[in-house]
Amino acid sequence: MRSVFAIGWGFLVLALLTGGCSPVDPEVALQQAATAMNTGKWKEAVALTQRCLRTSPADAKLKIMHGVSLLEAERKDDALDMLEEAVLQAPDDFSAQYFYGLALVECARFGDAMVPLRKAYEQREAHPEVAPDVLILLSRCCLEQNLDEGIRYLLQLRSYRAFNRRPEVYNALGILYLNRREYNNARQSFLMAMSKDRENPAVLQNLAVLYDQHLRDPAEAMRYYRAALRGKQLASDSTGQDEIRQRLKDLARERAVQAPDDTPPTGTQPDDAPAVPAPPRKPAPTLPKKGA
């Protein structure tokens, strides 16, 4: 379901194997549930974890396991209810806070997700295997809400080799810096993202928008708009192509109107001069697609 998030269930399954689901072949049911989760058989995992819960209805770890299975089986409302129960029952449990936050993100409730994810963040050093995932989720929530707090999480994410090599981290940093009007930091971040993937259309478009709307450099803007358009065509991504083509036309027309050799004296304009176009609907900064 989540190609961006490298989420492993090992730490949760290991904790569950040490308790819960007592009589009636508990180990067998639990092992079967863990196997179903690890192999992506989520409907089977839902049934098996529900069976365990009938035996141990007060086990918070089993509620987490069941909630995760429900989430992956696309039963998001049921998953939220189950994981909220787990959080209320075990507020200091890292996996409860983490997976509840994850479920809220999956439901696009980014503001609500910040609460459990911040609590998981406070315990990240005790769970290094999923610390990067916590940072990713918090970063995404901050991006969706344009929160400066996201810069801290993204800078920390760069310390992990796997993420240091990917454009998404630097592209996201660029967007947050751009929203803060820190244009030089935004440019450096976008350029670093491009160095990781020189044909990433989202990164190229973000550079184009930066030069177009904020640095007022139409030549560089056009160069990156053209590169973004080529990247989208190579990726068979039609989204935003018409807007980019229109902006390229407008920039070319604006540059022709403002060319020094053709500029009429102040207060005059040749009869055949094109009208200055109305402000166009310019392409907005974008994030690379998940899994890119």
Protein backbone atom coordinates (compact mmCIF):
# COMPACT_ATOMS: atom_id res chain seq x y z
CA MET A 1 0.00 0.00 0.00
CA ARG A 2 2.72 2.50 0.97
CA SER A 3 5.60 2.36 -1.47
CA VAL A 4 7.23 5.41 0.09
CA PHE A 5 7.38 4.03 3.60
CA ALA A 6 9.76 1.13 4.26
CA ILE A 7 7.65 -0.16 7.11
CA GLY A 8 8.63 -3.44 8.75
CA TRP A 9 6.40 -5.37 11.08
CA GLY A 10 9.25 -7.25 12.80
CA PHE A 11 9.47 -5.18 15.96
CA LEU A 12 5.70 -5.43 16.45
CA VAL A 13 5.51 -9.17 15.76
CA LEU A 14 8.46 -9.86 18.08
CA ALA A 15 6.74 -8.03 20.91
CA LEU A 16 3.55 -9.95 20.29
CA LEU A 17 5.26 -13.31 20.34
CA THR A 18 6.27 -12.68 23.94
CA GLY A 19 2.70 -12.45 25.19
CA GLY A 20 -1.00 -12.37 24.42
CA CYS A 21 -3.41 -14.81 22.81
CA SER A 22 -3.32 -17.43 25.51
CA PRO A 23 -5.41 -20.66 25.32
CA VAL A 24 -6.46 -22.57 22.20
CA ASP A 25 -3.19 -22.92 20.29
CA PRO A 26 -2.05 -19.32 20.92
CA GLU A 27 1.39 -19.71 19.42
CA VAL A 28 0.01 -21.30 16.27
CA ALA A 29 -2.57 -18.58 15.71
CA LEU A 30 -0.06 -15.84 16.41
CA GLN A 31 2.58 -17.34 14.16
CA GLN A 32 0.01 -17.73 11.39
CA ALA A 33 -1.04 -14.11 11.80
CA ALA A 34 2.59 -12.94 11.67
CA THR A 35 3.18 -15.01 8.54
CA ALA A 36 0.07 -13.60 6.90
CA MET A 37 1.22 -10.05 7.64
CA ASN A 38 4.74 -10.62 6.37
CA THR A 39 3.43 -12.13 3.13
CA GLY A 40 0.81 -9.44 2.55
CA LYS A 41 -2.22 -11.69 3.10
CA TRP A 42 -4.11 -9.01 4.94
CA LYS A 43 -7.62 -10.47 4.94
CA GLU A 44 -6.21 -13.63 6.45
CA ALA A 45 -4.26 -11.56 8.98
CA VAL A 46 -7.45 -9.74 9.95
CA ALA A 47 -9.23 -13.02 10.63
CA LEU A 48 -6.35 -14.52 12.58
CA THR A 49 -5.72 -11.48 14.77
CA GLN A 50 -9.44 -11.20 15.43
CA ARG A 51 -9.39 -14.82 16.56
CA CYS A 52 -6.57 -14.04 18.98
CA LEU A 53 -8.44 -11.03 20.32
CA ARG A 54 -11.44 -13.20 21.18
CA THR A 55 -9.14 -15.07 23.54
CA SER A 56 -7.25 -12.00 24.85
CA PRO A 57 -9.54 -8.99 24.28
CA ALA A 58 -7.55 -6.69 26.59
CA ASP A 59 -4.16 -7.24 24.94
CA ALA A 60 -3.02 -3.87 23.53
CA LYS A 61 -0.34 -5.45 21.34
CA LEU A 62 -2.92 -7.68 19.67
CA LYS A 63 -5.10 -4.63 19.07
CA ILE A 64 -2.19 -2.98 17.30
CA MET A 65 -1.59 -6.05 15.17
CA HIS A 66 -5.28 -6.27 14.31
CA GLY A 67 -5.44 -2.55 13.57
CA VAL A 68 -2.47 -2.74 11.22
CA SER A 69 -4.06 -5.69 9.40
CA LEU A 70 -7.33 -3.79 9.06
CA LEU A 71 -5.47 -0.77 7.69
CA GLU A 72 -3.67 -2.80 5.06
CA ALA A 73 -6.92 -4.55 4.15
CA GLU A 74 -8.31 -1.08 3.32
CA ARG A 75 -10.71 -1.07 6.27
CA LYS A 76 -9.42 2.30 7.42
CA ASP A 77 -12.26 3.36 9.72
CA ASP A 78 -12.14 0.05 11.59
CA ALA A 79 -8.35 0.31 11.77
CA LEU A 80 -8.54 3.80 13.29
CA ASP A 81 -11.02 2.65 15.94
CA MET A 82 -8.86 -0.34 16.90
CA LEU A 83 -5.59 1.60 16.99
CA GLU A 84 -7.19 4.42 18.98
CA GLU A 85 -8.26 1.80 21.53
CA ALA A 86 -4.67 0.59 21.71
CA VAL A 87 -3.32 4.12 22.21
CA LEU A 88 -5.82 4.86 24.97
CA GLN A 89 -4.99 1.58 26.67
CA ALA A 90 -1.21 1.87 26.28
CA PRO A 91 -0.31 5.56 25.82
CA ASP A 92 3.40 4.94 26.41
CA ASP A 93 3.65 2.15 23.85
CA PHE A 94 5.78 3.19 20.86
CA SER A 95 4.12 0.87 18.35
CA ALA A 96 0.64 2.03 19.40
CA GLN A 97 1.52 5.69 18.82
CA TYR A 98 3.43 4.96 15.63
CA PHE A 99 0.80 2.85 13.89
CA TYR A 100 -2.05 5.11 15.02
CA GLY A 101 -0.17 8.04 13.50
CA LEU A 102 0.41 6.04 10.33
CA ALA A 103 -3.29 5.22 10.06
CA LEU A 104 -4.23 8.88 10.49
CA VAL A 105 -1.79 9.83 7.72
CA GLU A 106 -3.36 7.19 5.47
CA CYS A 107 -6.71 8.86 6.13
CA ALA A 108 -5.21 12.29 5.27
CA ARG A 109 -5.76 13.51 8.84
CA PHE A 110 -2.34 15.11 8.95
CA GLY A 111 -2.96 17.50 11.83
CA ASP A 112 -4.35 14.74 14.05
CA ALA A 113 -1.46 12.45 13.08
CA MET A 114 1.12 14.87 14.45
CA VAL A 115 0.10 14.10 18.06
CA PRO A 116 0.87 10.35 18.14
CA LEU A 117 3.79 10.71 15.74
CA ARG A 118 5.47 13.30 17.97
CA LYS A 119 5.12 10.85 20.86
CA ALA A 120 6.66 8.11 18.74
CA TYR A 121 9.44 10.54 17.77
CA GLU A 122 10.29 11.04 21.44
CA GLN A 123 10.95 7.29 21.72
CA ARG A 124 12.73 6.84 18.39
CA GLU A 125 16.15 6.13 19.89
CA ALA A 126 14.78 2.96 21.48
CA HIS A 127 13.45 1.82 18.09
CA PRO A 128 16.18 2.66 15.56
CA GLU A 129 14.82 0.21 13.00
CA VAL A 130 11.77 2.41 12.37
CA ALA A 131 13.16 5.83 13.31
CA PRO A 132 13.45 6.86 9.61
CA ASP A 133 9.79 5.93 9.07
CA VAL A 134 8.74 8.19 11.94
CA LEU A 135 10.73 11.03 10.37
CA ILE A 136 9.14 10.41 6.97
CA LEU A 137 5.63 10.46 8.36
CA LEU A 138 6.27 13.61 10.39
CA SER A 139 7.86 15.28 7.37
CA ARG A 140 4.88 14.46 5.22
CA CYS A 141 2.45 15.85 7.80
CA CYS A 142 4.49 19.05 7.99
CA LEU A 143 4.62 19.38 4.21
CA GLU A 144 0.87 18.94 3.92
CA GLN A 145 0.36 21.70 6.48
CA ASN A 146 3.36 23.88 5.55
CA LEU A 147 4.87 23.60 9.03
CA ASP A 148 8.44 24.83 9.56
CA GLU A 149 8.89 21.94 11.98
CA GLY A 150 9.29 19.68 8.94
CA ILE A 151 12.73 21.11 8.16
CA ARG A 152 14.10 19.60 11.37
CA TYR A 153 12.78 16.13 10.50
CA LEU A 154 14.01 16.29 6.91
CA LEU A 155 17.49 17.41 7.98
CA GLN A 156 17.64 14.45 10.35
CA LEU A 157 16.45 12.11 7.61
CA ARG A 158 19.47 13.09 5.51
CA SER A 159 21.74 11.35 8.02
CA TYR A 160 20.41 7.98 6.85
CA ARG A 161 22.36 6.77 3.83
CA ALA A 162 19.32 5.30 2.08
CA PHE A 163 17.51 8.63 2.19
CA ASN A 164 20.55 10.83 1.64
CA ARG A 165 20.74 9.43 -1.89
CA ARG A 166 17.09 10.10 -2.78
CA PRO A 167 15.73 13.32 -4.29
CA GLU A 168 12.52 13.38 -2.25
CA VAL A 169 14.18 14.58 0.95
CA TYR A 170 15.91 17.54 -0.71
CA ASN A 171 12.88 18.36 -2.84
CA ALA A 172 10.69 18.47 0.26
CA LEU A 173 13.24 20.68 2.01
CA GLY A 174 13.17 23.00 -0.98
CA ILE A 175 9.40 23.30 -0.79
CA LEU A 176 9.46 24.20 2.90
CA TYR A 177 12.27 26.72 2.37
CA LEU A 178 10.36 28.18 -0.57
CA ASN A 179 7.27 28.63 1.58
CA ARG A 180 9.47 30.42 4.16
CA ARG A 181 10.82 32.70 1.37
CA GLU A 182 14.33 31.39 1.96
CA TYR A 183 14.94 31.33 -1.77
CA ASN A 184 18.66 30.59 -1.73
CA ASN A 185 18.16 27.60 0.58
CA ALA A 186 15.28 26.47 -1.62
CA ARG A 187 17.44 26.70 -4.74
CA GLN A 188 20.29 24.77 -3.12
CA SER A 189 17.88 22.08 -1.94
CA PHE A 190 16.24 21.69 -5.35
CA LEU A 191 19.64 21.56 -7.05
CA MET A 192 20.76 18.88 -4.61
CA ALA A 193 17.57 16.94 -5.38
CA MET A 194 18.31 17.26 -9.10
CA SER A 195 21.84 15.94 -8.54
CA LYS A 196 20.22 12.74 -7.22
CA ASP A 197 17.84 12.42 -10.18
CA ARG A 198 18.55 14.78 -13.06
CA GLU A 199 15.35 13.97 -14.95
CA ASN A 200 12.86 14.07 -12.08
CA PRO A 201 10.02 16.23 -13.50
CA ALA A 202 8.72 17.34 -10.11
CA VAL A 203 12.12 18.64 -9.02
CA LEU A 204 12.67 20.34 -12.38
CA GLN A 205 9.25 21.97 -12.20
CA ASN A 206 9.94 23.23 -8.71
CA LEU A 207 13.17 24.84 -9.92
CA ALA A 208 11.26 26.40 -12.80
CA VAL A 209 8.64 27.86 -10.45
CA LEU A 210 11.36 29.19 -8.14
CA TYR A 211 13.12 31.01 -10.97
CA ASP A 212 9.84 32.15 -12.51
CA GLN A 213 7.84 33.41 -9.57
CA HIS A 214 10.48 34.30 -6.99
CA LEU A 215 13.93 34.85 -8.51
CA ARG A 216 12.48 36.57 -11.61
CA ASP A 217 14.86 34.87 -14.00
CA PRO A 218 12.75 33.97 -17.06
CA ALA A 219 15.62 32.41 -19.00
CA GLU A 220 16.38 29.90 -16.24
CA ALA A 221 12.66 29.38 -15.64
CA MET A 222 12.13 28.47 -19.27
CA ARG A 223 15.10 26.13 -19.24
CA TYR A 224 13.72 24.18 -16.29
CA TYR A 225 10.13 24.26 -17.55
CA ARG A 226 11.32 22.66 -20.80
CA ALA A 227 13.29 20.04 -18.87
CA ALA A 228 10.27 19.32 -16.65
CA LEU A 229 8.07 18.93 -19.71
CA ARG A 230 10.53 16.47 -21.25
CA GLY A 231 10.68 14.56 -17.99
CA LYS A 232 6.90 14.30 -17.79
CA GLN A 233 6.72 13.11 -21.38
CA LEU A 234 9.37 10.45 -20.75
CA ALA A 235 7.46 9.33 -17.66
CA SER A 236 4.13 9.32 -19.56
CA ASP A 237 2.82 11.79 -16.97
CA SER A 238 0.28 14.13 -18.54
CA THR A 239 -0.49 16.09 -15.37
CA GLY A 240 0.40 19.76 -15.64
CA GLN A 241 1.83 19.54 -19.16
CA ASP A 242 -0.70 21.98 -20.61
CA GLU A 243 0.00 24.50 -17.85
CA ILE A 244 3.75 24.25 -18.44
CA ARG A 245 3.34 24.73 -22.22
CA GLN A 246 1.14 27.75 -21.62
CA ARG A 247 3.61 29.27 -19.18
CA LEU A 248 6.45 28.76 -21.67
CA LYS A 249 4.42 30.61 -24.31
CA ASP A 250 3.65 33.44 -21.89
CA LEU A 251 7.28 33.78 -20.83
CA ALA A 252 8.43 33.84 -24.44
CA ARG A 253 5.88 36.55 -25.23
CA GLU A 254 6.82 38.57 -22.16
CA ARG A 255 10.52 38.40 -23.06
CA ALA A 256 9.74 39.51 -26.62
CA VAL A 257 7.72 42.47 -25.35
CA GLN A 258 10.50 43.46 -22.94
CA ALA A 259 13.39 43.02 -25.38
CA PRO A 260 15.50 46.23 -25.34
CA ASP A 261 15.54 46.74 -29.13
CA ASP A 262 11.76 46.61 -29.30
CA THR A 263 10.93 48.63 -26.21
CA PRO A 264 8.95 51.75 -27.19
CA PRO A 265 9.54 55.11 -25.50
CA THR A 266 7.98 55.49 -22.10
CA GLY A 267 4.26 56.05 -22.29
CA THR A 268 3.90 54.71 -25.84
CA GLN A 269 3.30 51.31 -27.37
CA PRO A 270 3.26 50.27 -31.03
CA ASP A 271 -0.22 49.63 -32.35
CA ASP A 272 0.67 46.03 -33.21
CA ALA A 273 2.37 45.25 -29.89
CA PRO A 274 0.82 42.27 -28.13
CA ALA A 275 -1.14 43.01 -25.01
CA VAL A 276 0.65 42.15 -21.77
CA PRO A 277 -0.93 38.86 -20.72
CA ALA A 278 -2.95 38.56 -17.57
CA PRO A 279 -1.18 36.71 -14.75
CA PRO A 280 -1.32 33.07 -15.78
CA ARG A 281 -2.16 30.12 -13.62
CA LYS A 282 1.44 29.08 -13.06
CA PRO A 283 2.41 25.51 -12.19
CA ALA A 284 2.82 25.15 -8.44
CA PRO A 285 5.63 23.36 -6.61
CA THR A 286 5.03 19.63 -6.49
CA LEU A 287 6.36 16.59 -4.70
CA PRO A 288 7.80 13.61 -6.55
CA LYS A 289 5.27 10.82 -6.93
CA LYS A 290 5.33 8.08 -4.31
CA GLY A 291 7.74 5.40 -5.22
CA ALA A 292 9.66 7.65 -7.61
